[in-house]
Each structure stands twice: as C-alpha cells, then as structure tokens.
Amino acid sequence: MKKLFVASLILSLSGAVWAAEPTAQQNKMKTCNADAAGKKGDERKAFMKECLSAKPAAKPSQQDKMKTCNADAAGKKGDERKAFMKECLSNK
C-alpha cells in the first residue's frame, strides 16, 4: 500500500512539472496582452479578439527556401556553396 502511495505521488508530481509549460494559446495570450498595453474598454476588447483569432504566418515551402538560399549563395562556389546551402536549407 505504501509503495502504491509513493508511486502515485511521484506520478502526480511529474504531471505538475509537465503542466507547467505554457501552451501555444497561453503564449499567444501573453503576447496579445503585452501588445494591448494602453488600450482600454471596447478598443482593447476588439484588439484582443483580432489578435487571438489571427492565424500564424505560414512557414515557407521548401521551394521558397531553395529560391531564397540560392539567391543568398550568389558568388559562392564549390565546398563553400555546398556548406552554405546545407546550413541555409536546414534552418527552420
């Protein structure tokens, strides 16, 4: 019985640590709140509604990354270009 109690205590504590990380929505709320500083009443309410419903910017496609990296690699040749392209395309 004591082992079961200790095991459940450990699991509950590890769950509390896991829950401590903020979710994406919580991060978005924090950012929107900071951006809404100075706004009051209906103005703040409208701003928060717009801010929280906004979709995040789309990630560039692999093709777009290739175009950008190729343009940035202008003038590089051989191993230097190869290393640059590898690094550039692997960035997220």
PDB file of N, CA and C in Angstrom:
ATOM      1  N   MET A   1       0.829  -1.186   0.000  1.00  0.00           N
ATOM      2  CA  MET A   1       0.000   0.000   0.000  1.00  0.00           C
ATOM      3  C   MET A   1       0.874   1.250   0.000  1.00  0.00           C
ATOM      4  N   LYS A   2       1.952   1.219   0.784  1.00  0.00           N
ATOM      5  CA  LYS A   2       2.853   2.367   0.866  1.00  0.00           C
ATOM      6  C   LYS A   2       3.534   2.615  -0.484  1.00  0.00           C
ATOM      7  N   LYS A   3       3.917   1.538  -1.169  1.00  0.00           N
ATOM      8  CA  LYS A   3       4.559   1.658  -2.480  1.00  0.00           C
ATOM      9  C   LYS A   3       3.592   2.289  -3.492  1.00  0.00           C
ATOM     10  N   LEU A   4       2.350   1.908  -3.434  1.00  0.00           N
ATOM     11  CA  LEU A   4       1.337   2.460  -4.322  1.00  0.00           C
ATOM     12  C   LEU A   4       1.166   3.960  -4.071  1.00  0.00           C
ATOM     13  N   PHE A   5       1.145   4.355  -2.823  1.00  0.00           N
ATOM     14  CA  PHE A   5       1.025   5.769  -2.471  1.00  0.00           C
ATOM     15  C   PHE A   5       2.222   6.565  -2.989  1.00  0.00           C
ATOM     16  N   VAL A   6       3.420   6.040  -2.795  1.00  0.00           N
ATOM     17  CA  VAL A   6       4.635   6.719  -3.259  1.00  0.00           C
ATOM     18  C   VAL A   6       4.634   6.824  -4.783  1.00  0.00           C
ATOM     19  N   ALA A   7       4.238   5.755  -5.460  1.00  0.00           N
ATOM     20  CA  ALA A   7       4.193   5.764  -6.922  1.00  0.00           C
ATOM     21  C   ALA A   7       3.191   6.798  -7.431  1.00  0.00           C
ATOM     22  N   SER A   8       2.022   6.867  -6.808  1.00  0.00           N
ATOM     23  CA  SER A   8       1.019   7.842  -7.249  1.00  0.00           C
ATOM     24  C   SER A   8       1.476   9.272  -6.957  1.00  0.00           C
ATOM     25  N   LEU A   9       2.201   9.457  -5.863  1.00  0.00           N
ATOM     26  CA  LEU A   9       2.729  10.773  -5.533  1.00  0.00           C
ATOM     27  C   LEU A   9       3.754  11.212  -6.569  1.00  0.00           C
ATOM     28  N   ILE A  10       4.638  10.309  -6.967  1.00  0.00           N
ATOM     29  CA  ILE A  10       5.651  10.619  -7.979  1.00  0.00           C
ATOM     30  C   ILE A  10       4.988  10.953  -9.308  1.00  0.00           C
ATOM     31  N   LEU A  11       3.992  10.185  -9.701  1.00  0.00           N
ATOM     32  CA  LEU A  11       3.285  10.450 -10.952  1.00  0.00           C
ATOM     33  C   LEU A  11       2.567  11.793 -10.924  1.00  0.00           C
ATOM     34  N   SER A  12       1.961  12.116  -9.820  1.00  0.00           N
ATOM     35  CA  SER A  12       1.249  13.391  -9.738  1.00  0.00           C
ATOM     36  C   SER A  12       2.216  14.568  -9.781  1.00  0.00           C
ATOM     37  N   LEU A  13       3.376  14.429  -9.152  1.00  0.00           N
ATOM     38  CA  LEU A  13       4.371  15.499  -9.191  1.00  0.00           C
ATOM     39  C   LEU A  13       4.969  15.659 -10.575  1.00  0.00           C
ATOM     40  N   SER A  14       5.207  14.552 -11.271  1.00  0.00           N
ATOM     41  CA  SER A  14       5.752  14.655 -12.621  1.00  0.00           C
ATOM     42  C   SER A  14       4.713  15.269 -13.554  1.00  0.00           C
ATOM     43  N   GLY A  15       3.449  15.016 -13.305  1.00  0.00           N
ATOM     44  CA  GLY A  15       2.386  15.639 -14.093  1.00  0.00           C
ATOM     45  C   GLY A  15       2.335  17.136 -13.873  1.00  0.00           C
ATOM     46  N   ALA A  16       2.605  17.572 -12.651  1.00  0.00           N
ATOM     47  CA  ALA A  16       2.605  19.006 -12.351  1.00  0.00           C
ATOM     48  C   ALA A  16       3.743  19.701 -13.080  1.00  0.00           C
ATOM     49  N   VAL A  17       4.880  19.056 -13.188  1.00  0.00           N
ATOM     50  CA  VAL A  17       6.008  19.636 -13.919  1.00  0.00           C
ATOM     51  C   VAL A  17       5.670  19.720 -15.396  1.00  0.00           C
ATOM     52  N   TRP A  18       5.058  18.670 -15.918  1.00  0.00           N
ATOM     53  CA  TRP A  18       4.682  18.644 -17.335  1.00  0.00           C
ATOM     54  C   TRP A  18       3.683  19.764 -17.639  1.00  0.00           C
ATOM     55  N   ALA A  19       2.735  19.996 -16.762  1.00  0.00           N
ATOM     56  CA  ALA A  19       1.704  21.002 -16.982  1.00  0.00           C
ATOM     57  C   ALA A  19       2.237  22.417 -16.822  1.00  0.00           C
ATOM     58  N   ALA A  20       3.439  22.585 -16.309  1.00  0.00           N
ATOM     59  CA  ALA A  20       3.985  23.915 -16.065  1.00  0.00           C
ATOM     60  C   ALA A  20       4.370  24.632 -17.354  1.00  0.00           C
ATOM     61  N   GLU A  21       4.625  23.908 -18.443  1.00  0.00           N
ATOM     62  CA  GLU A  21       4.993  24.546 -19.701  1.00  0.00           C
ATOM     63  C   GLU A  21       3.758  25.184 -20.322  1.00  0.00           C
ATOM     64  N   PRO A  22       3.872  26.445 -20.734  1.00  0.00           N
ATOM     65  CA  PRO A  22       2.705  27.103 -21.328  1.00  0.00           C
ATOM     66  C   PRO A  22       2.382  26.542 -22.712  1.00  0.00           C
ATOM     67  N   THR A  23       1.104  26.529 -23.028  1.00  0.00           N
ATOM     68  CA  THR A  23       0.671  26.057 -24.338  1.00  0.00           C
ATOM     69  C   THR A  23       0.834  27.181 -25.355  1.00  0.00           C
ATOM     70  N   ALA A  24       0.656  26.852 -26.618  1.00  0.00           N
ATOM     71  CA  ALA A  24       0.758  27.854 -27.672  1.00  0.00           C
ATOM     72  C   ALA A  24      -0.290  28.950 -27.469  1.00  0.00           C
ATOM     73  N   GLN A  25      -1.495  28.545 -27.057  1.00  0.00           N
ATOM     74  CA  GLN A  25      -2.562  29.523 -26.828  1.00  0.00           C
ATOM     75  C   GLN A  25      -2.209  30.458 -25.670  1.00  0.00           C
ATOM     76  N   GLN A  26      -1.593  29.909 -24.625  1.00  0.00           N
ATOM     77  CA  GLN A  26      -1.185  30.744 -23.493  1.00  0.00           C
ATOM     78  C   GLN A  26      -0.095  31.734 -23.918  1.00  0.00           C
ATOM     79  N   ASN A  27       0.823  31.276 -24.741  1.00  0.00           N
ATOM     80  CA  ASN A  27       1.868  32.170 -25.252  1.00  0.00           C
ATOM     81  C   ASN A  27       1.265  33.274 -26.113  1.00  0.00           C
ATOM     82  N   LYS A  28       0.277  32.903 -26.925  1.00  0.00           N
ATOM     83  CA  LYS A  28      -0.394  33.879 -27.780  1.00  0.00           C
ATOM     84  C   LYS A  28      -1.119  34.922 -26.924  1.00  0.00           C
ATOM     85  N   MET A  29      -1.781  34.461 -25.863  1.00  0.00           N
ATOM     86  CA  MET A  29      -2.498  35.367 -24.965  1.00  0.00           C
ATOM     87  C   MET A  29      -1.521  36.337 -24.310  1.00  0.00           C
ATOM     88  N   LYS A  30      -0.372  35.830 -23.891  1.00  0.00           N
ATOM     89  CA  LYS A  30       0.641  36.671 -23.257  1.00  0.00           C
ATOM     90  C   LYS A  30       1.129  37.750 -24.229  1.00  0.00           C
ATOM     91  N   THR A  31       1.394  37.366 -25.464  1.00  0.00           N
ATOM     92  CA  THR A  31       1.863  38.313 -26.471  1.00  0.00           C
ATOM     93  C   THR A  31       0.797  39.355 -26.787  1.00  0.00           C
ATOM     94  N   CYS A  32      -0.437  38.904 -26.973  1.00  0.00           N
ATOM     95  CA  CYS A  32      -1.531  39.838 -27.276  1.00  0.00           C
ATOM     96  C   CYS A  32      -1.757  40.801 -26.122  1.00  0.00           C
ATOM     97  N   ASN A  33      -1.679  40.310 -24.886  1.00  0.00           N
ATOM     98  CA  ASN A  33      -1.841  41.182 -23.717  1.00  0.00           C
ATOM     99  C   ASN A  33      -0.763  42.257 -23.684  1.00  0.00           C
ATOM    100  N   ALA A  34       0.462  41.868 -23.987  1.00  0.00           N
ATOM    101  CA  ALA A  34       1.560  42.837 -23.994  1.00  0.00           C
ATOM    102  C   ALA A  34       1.344  43.880 -25.089  1.00  0.00           C
ATOM    103  N   ASP A  35       0.878  43.433 -26.265  1.00  0.00           N
ATOM    104  CA  ASP A  35       0.640  44.355 -27.382  1.00  0.00           C
ATOM    105  C   ASP A  35      -0.553  45.274 -27.131  1.00  0.00           C
ATOM    106  N   ALA A  36      -1.465  44.868 -26.258  1.00  0.00           N
ATOM    107  CA  ALA A  36      -2.665  45.654 -25.977  1.00  0.00           C
ATOM    108  C   ALA A  36      -2.439  46.687 -24.879  1.00  0.00           C
ATOM    109  N   ALA A  37      -1.227  46.829 -24.419  1.00  0.00           N
ATOM    110  CA  ALA A  37      -0.927  47.790 -23.357  1.00  0.00           C
ATOM    111  C   ALA A  37      -1.371  49.188 -23.777  1.00  0.00           C
ATOM    112  N   GLY A  38      -2.079  49.864 -22.906  1.00  0.00           N
ATOM    113  CA  GLY A  38      -2.536  51.220 -23.191  1.00  0.00           C
ATOM    114  C   GLY A  38      -3.931  51.289 -23.776  1.00  0.00           C
ATOM    115  N   LYS A  39      -4.448  50.184 -24.263  1.00  0.00           N
ATOM    116  CA  LYS A  39      -5.806  50.169 -24.818  1.00  0.00           C
ATOM    117  C   LYS A  39      -6.781  49.852 -23.683  1.00  0.00           C
ATOM    118  N   LYS A  40      -7.981  50.432 -23.767  1.00  0.00           N
ATOM    119  CA  LYS A  40      -8.979  50.212 -22.717  1.00  0.00           C
ATOM    120  C   LYS A  40     -10.351  49.994 -23.337  1.00  0.00           C
ATOM    121  N   GLY A  41     -11.208  49.335 -22.590  1.00  0.00           N
ATOM    122  CA  GLY A  41     -12.605  49.169 -22.970  1.00  0.00           C
ATOM    123  C   GLY A  41     -12.812  48.431 -24.274  1.00  0.00           C
ATOM    124  N   ASP A  42     -13.703  49.005 -25.112  1.00  0.00           N
ATOM    125  CA  ASP A  42     -14.062  48.368 -26.375  1.00  0.00           C
ATOM    126  C   ASP A  42     -12.877  48.267 -27.331  1.00  0.00           C
ATOM    127  N   GLU A  43     -11.996  49.251 -27.279  1.00  0.00           N
ATOM    128  CA  GLU A  43     -10.813  49.218 -28.143  1.00  0.00           C
ATOM    129  C   GLU A  43      -9.952  48.002 -27.801  1.00  0.00           C
ATOM    130  N   ARG A  44      -9.730  47.773 -26.514  1.00  0.00           N
ATOM    131  CA  ARG A  44      -8.924  46.621 -26.073  1.00  0.00           C
ATOM    132  C   ARG A  44      -9.619  45.315 -26.423  1.00  0.00           C
ATOM    133  N   LYS A  45     -10.925  45.256 -26.199  1.00  0.00           N
ATOM    134  CA  LYS A  45     -11.690  44.050 -26.483  1.00  0.00           C
ATOM    135  C   LYS A  45     -11.605  43.692 -27.971  1.00  0.00           C
ATOM    136  N   ALA A  46     -11.769  44.690 -28.834  1.00  0.00           N
ATOM    137  CA  ALA A  46     -11.686  44.456 -30.277  1.00  0.00           C
ATOM    138  C   ALA A  46     -10.274  44.020 -30.680  1.00  0.00           C
ATOM    139  N   PHE A  47      -9.262  44.672 -30.092  1.00  0.00           N
ATOM    140  CA  PHE A  47      -7.883  44.319 -30.402  1.00  0.00           C
ATOM    141  C   PHE A  47      -7.587  42.882 -29.995  1.00  0.00           C
ATOM    142  N   MET A  48      -7.984  42.498 -28.786  1.00  0.00           N
ATOM    143  CA  MET A  48      -7.717  41.149 -28.296  1.00  0.00           C
ATOM    144  C   MET A  48      -8.430  40.098 -29.149  1.00  0.00           C
ATOM    145  N   LYS A  49      -9.649  40.391 -29.560  1.00  0.00           N
ATOM    146  CA  LYS A  49     -10.390  39.447 -30.405  1.00  0.00           C
ATOM    147  C   LYS A  49      -9.652  39.233 -31.713  1.00  0.00           C
ATOM    148  N   GLU A  50      -9.211  40.306 -32.328  1.00  0.00           N
ATOM    149  CA  GLU A  50      -8.481  40.228 -33.596  1.00  0.00           C
ATOM    150  C   GLU A  50      -7.140  39.519 -33.404  1.00  0.00           C
ATOM    151  N   CYS A  51      -6.424  39.892 -32.371  1.00  0.00           N
ATOM    152  CA  CYS A  51      -5.106  39.326 -32.108  1.00  0.00           C
ATOM    153  C   CYS A  51      -5.177  37.826 -31.840  1.00  0.00           C
ATOM    154  N   LEU A  52      -6.106  37.404 -31.014  1.00  0.00           N
ATOM    155  CA  LEU A  52      -6.200  35.994 -30.647  1.00  0.00           C
ATOM    156  C   LEU A  52      -6.746  35.124 -31.772  1.00  0.00           C
ATOM    157  N   SER A  53      -7.499  35.705 -32.694  1.00  0.00           N
ATOM    158  CA  SER A  53      -8.046  34.909 -33.792  1.00  0.00           C
ATOM    159  C   SER A  53      -7.125  34.890 -35.005  1.00  0.00           C
ATOM    160  N   ALA A  54      -6.073  35.695 -34.991  1.00  0.00           N
ATOM    161  CA  ALA A  54      -5.146  35.749 -36.120  1.00  0.00           C
ATOM    162  C   ALA A  54      -4.408  34.428 -36.266  1.00  0.00           C
ATOM    163  N   LYS A  55      -4.248  34.007 -37.484  1.00  0.00           N
ATOM    164  CA  LYS A  55      -3.521  32.776 -37.780  1.00  0.00           C
ATOM    165  C   LYS A  55      -2.032  33.093 -37.836  1.00  0.00           C
ATOM    166  N   PRO A  56      -1.181  32.162 -37.406  1.00  0.00           N
ATOM    167  CA  PRO A  56       0.260  32.392 -37.513  1.00  0.00           C
ATOM    168  C   PRO A  56       0.689  32.420 -38.973  1.00  0.00           C
ATOM    169  N   ALA A  57       1.767  33.117 -39.256  1.00  0.00           N
ATOM    170  CA  ALA A  57       2.271  33.190 -40.616  1.00  0.00           C
ATOM    171  C   ALA A  57       2.659  31.795 -41.089  1.00  0.00           C
ATOM    172  N   ALA A  58       2.342  31.517 -42.346  1.00  0.00           N
ATOM    173  CA  ALA A  58       2.650  30.208 -42.905  1.00  0.00           C
ATOM    174  C   ALA A  58       4.157  30.042 -43.055  1.00  0.00           C
ATOM    175  N   LYS A  59       4.629  28.836 -42.807  1.00  0.00           N
ATOM    176  CA  LYS A  59       6.040  28.544 -42.985  1.00  0.00           C
ATOM    177  C   LYS A  59       6.344  28.547 -44.487  1.00  0.00           C
ATOM    178  N   PRO A  60       7.517  29.006 -44.871  1.00  0.00           N
ATOM    179  CA  PRO A  60       7.856  28.976 -46.293  1.00  0.00           C
ATOM    180  C   PRO A  60       7.998  27.527 -46.774  1.00  0.00           C
ATOM    181  N   SER A  61       7.580  27.294 -48.009  1.00  0.00           N
ATOM    182  CA  SER A  61       7.695  25.949 -48.570  1.00  0.00           C
ATOM    183  C   SER A  61       9.162  25.649 -48.859  1.00  0.00           C
ATOM    184  N   GLN A  62       9.463  24.400 -49.114  1.00  0.00           N
ATOM    185  CA  GLN A  62      10.837  24.007 -49.423  1.00  0.00           C
ATOM    186  C   GLN A  62      11.305  24.705 -50.692  1.00  0.00           C
ATOM    187  N   GLN A  63      10.395  24.881 -51.639  1.00  0.00           N
ATOM    188  CA  GLN A  63      10.735  25.556 -52.892  1.00  0.00           C
ATOM    189  C   GLN A  63      11.087  27.024 -52.630  1.00  0.00           C
ATOM    190  N   ASP A  64      10.333  27.676 -51.755  1.00  0.00           N
ATOM    191  CA  ASP A  64      10.624  29.071 -51.412  1.00  0.00           C
ATOM    192  C   ASP A  64      11.971  29.182 -50.702  1.00  0.00           C
ATOM    193  N   LYS A  65      12.248  28.226 -49.800  1.00  0.00           N
ATOM    194  CA  LYS A  65      13.541  28.231 -49.110  1.00  0.00           C
ATOM    195  C   LYS A  65      14.681  28.074 -50.110  1.00  0.00           C
ATOM    196  N   MET A  66      14.489  27.192 -51.099  1.00  0.00           N
ATOM    197  CA  MET A  66      15.520  26.950 -52.101  1.00  0.00           C
ATOM    198  C   MET A  66      15.799  28.222 -52.897  1.00  0.00           C
ATOM    199  N   LYS A  67      14.745  28.949 -53.281  1.00  0.00           N
ATOM    200  CA  LYS A  67      14.917  30.198 -54.032  1.00  0.00           C
ATOM    201  C   LYS A  67      15.696  31.217 -53.208  1.00  0.00           C
ATOM    202  N   THR A  68      15.312  31.369 -51.951  1.00  0.00           N
ATOM    203  CA  THR A  68      15.964  32.334 -51.078  1.00  0.00           C
ATOM    204  C   THR A  68      17.426  31.962 -50.841  1.00  0.00           C
ATOM    205  N   CYS A  69      17.676  30.695 -50.554  1.00  0.00           N
ATOM    206  CA  CYS A  69      19.046  30.251 -50.296  1.00  0.00           C
ATOM    207  C   CYS A  69      19.912  30.381 -51.540  1.00  0.00           C
ATOM    208  N   ASN A  70      19.349  30.067 -52.703  1.00  0.00           N
ATOM    209  CA  ASN A  70      20.103  30.217 -53.956  1.00  0.00           C
ATOM    210  C   ASN A  70      20.496  31.667 -54.174  1.00  0.00           C
ATOM    211  N   ALA A  71      19.566  32.566 -53.922  1.00  0.00           N
ATOM    212  CA  ALA A  71      19.860  33.989 -54.096  1.00  0.00           C
ATOM    213  C   ALA A  71      20.933  34.445 -53.111  1.00  0.00           C
ATOM    214  N   ASP A  72      20.859  33.967 -51.887  1.00  0.00           N
ATOM    215  CA  ASP A  72      21.836  34.348 -50.864  1.00  0.00           C
ATOM    216  C   ASP A  72      23.212  33.732 -51.119  1.00  0.00           C
ATOM    217  N   ALA A  73      23.259  32.643 -51.877  1.00  0.00           N
ATOM    218  CA  ALA A  73      24.520  31.944 -52.139  1.00  0.00           C
ATOM    219  C   ALA A  73      25.247  32.490 -53.364  1.00  0.00           C
ATOM    220  N   ALA A  74      24.709  33.535 -53.950  1.00  0.00           N
ATOM    221  CA  ALA A  74      25.345  34.104 -55.148  1.00  0.00           C
ATOM    222  C   ALA A  74      26.801  34.462 -54.837  1.00  0.00           C
ATOM    223  N   GLY A  75      27.707  34.042 -55.729  1.00  0.00           N
ATOM    224  CA  GLY A  75      29.116  34.344 -55.548  1.00  0.00           C
ATOM    225  C   GLY A  75      29.891  33.267 -54.825  1.00  0.00           C
ATOM    226  N   LYS A  76      29.198  32.326 -54.204  1.00  0.00           N
ATOM    227  CA  LYS A  76      29.885  31.234 -53.508  1.00  0.00           C
ATOM    228  C   LYS A  76      30.048  30.072 -54.490  1.00  0.00           C
ATOM    229  N   LYS A  77      31.148  29.331 -54.363  1.00  0.00           N
ATOM    230  CA  LYS A  77      31.395  28.207 -55.266  1.00  0.00           C
ATOM    231  C   LYS A  77      31.926  27.020 -54.491  1.00  0.00           C
ATOM    232  N   GLY A  78      31.761  25.839 -55.083  1.00  0.00           N
ATOM    233  CA  GLY A  78      32.335  24.620 -54.545  1.00  0.00           C
ATOM    234  C   GLY A  78      31.862  24.265 -53.151  1.00  0.00           C
ATOM    235  N   ASP A  79      32.828  23.874 -52.315  1.00  0.00           N
ATOM    236  CA  ASP A  79      32.510  23.423 -50.954  1.00  0.00           C
ATOM    237  C   ASP A  79      31.882  24.526 -50.111  1.00  0.00           C
ATOM    238  N   GLU A  80      32.290  25.767 -50.350  1.00  0.00           N
ATOM    239  CA  GLU A  80      31.718  26.891 -49.598  1.00  0.00           C
ATOM    240  C   GLU A  80      30.220  27.002 -49.883  1.00  0.00           C
ATOM    241  N   ARG A  81      29.838  26.911 -51.171  1.00  0.00           N
ATOM    242  CA  ARG A  81      28.426  26.993 -51.553  1.00  0.00           C
ATOM    243  C   ARG A  81      27.654  25.802 -50.992  1.00  0.00           C
ATOM    244  N   LYS A  82      28.248  24.614 -51.098  1.00  0.00           N
ATOM    245  CA  LYS A  82      27.599  23.402 -50.622  1.00  0.00           C
ATOM    246  C   LYS A  82      27.315  23.497 -49.121  1.00  0.00           C
ATOM    247  N   ALA A  83      28.305  23.943 -48.357  1.00  0.00           N
ATOM    248  CA  ALA A  83      28.127  24.086 -46.905  1.00  0.00           C
ATOM    249  C   ALA A  83      27.079  25.155 -46.591  1.00  0.00           C
ATOM    250  N   PHE A  84      27.125  26.264 -47.331  1.00  0.00           N
ATOM    251  CA  PHE A  84      26.148  27.333 -47.113  1.00  0.00           C
ATOM    252  C   PHE A  84      24.731  26.838 -47.395  1.00  0.00           C
ATOM    253  N   MET A  85      24.539  26.147 -48.515  1.00  0.00           N
ATOM    254  CA  MET A  85      23.204  25.665 -48.885  1.00  0.00           C
ATOM    255  C   MET A  85      22.685  24.653 -47.864  1.00  0.00           C
ATOM    256  N   LYS A  86      23.553  23.784 -47.391  1.00  0.00           N
ATOM    257  CA  LYS A  86      23.146  22.801 -46.390  1.00  0.00           C
ATOM    258  C   LYS A  86      22.644  23.497 -45.134  1.00  0.00           C
ATOM    259  N   GLU A  87      23.409  24.473 -44.676  1.00  0.00           N
ATOM    260  CA  GLU A  87      23.028  25.221 -43.469  1.00  0.00           C
ATOM    261  C   GLU A  87      21.741  26.021 -43.696  1.00  0.00           C
ATOM    262  N   CYS A  88      21.673  26.705 -44.819  1.00  0.00           N
ATOM    263  CA  CYS A  88      20.514  27.551 -45.132  1.00  0.00           C
ATOM    264  C   CYS A  88      19.231  26.728 -45.232  1.00  0.00           C
ATOM    265  N   LEU A  89      19.286  25.606 -45.922  1.00  0.00           N
ATOM    266  CA  LEU A  89      18.078  24.793 -46.126  1.00  0.00           C
ATOM    267  C   LEU A  89      17.658  24.042 -44.867  1.00  0.00           C
ATOM    268  N   SER A  90      18.584  23.819 -43.953  1.00  0.00           N
ATOM    269  CA  SER A  90      18.231  23.109 -42.725  1.00  0.00           C
ATOM    270  C   SER A  90      17.632  24.029 -41.673  1.00  0.00           C
ATOM    271  N   ASN A  91      17.805  25.350 -41.828  1.00  0.00           N
ATOM    272  CA  ASN A  91      17.197  26.305 -40.881  1.00  0.00           C
ATOM    273  C   ASN A  91      15.694  26.273 -41.015  1.00  0.00           C
ATOM    274  N   LYS A  92      15.019  26.390 -39.861  1.00  0.00           N
ATOM    275  CA  LYS A  92      13.554  26.332 -39.876  1.00  0.00           C
ATOM    276  C   LYS A  92      12.960  27.704 -39.797  1.00  0.00           C
TER     277      LYS A  92
END
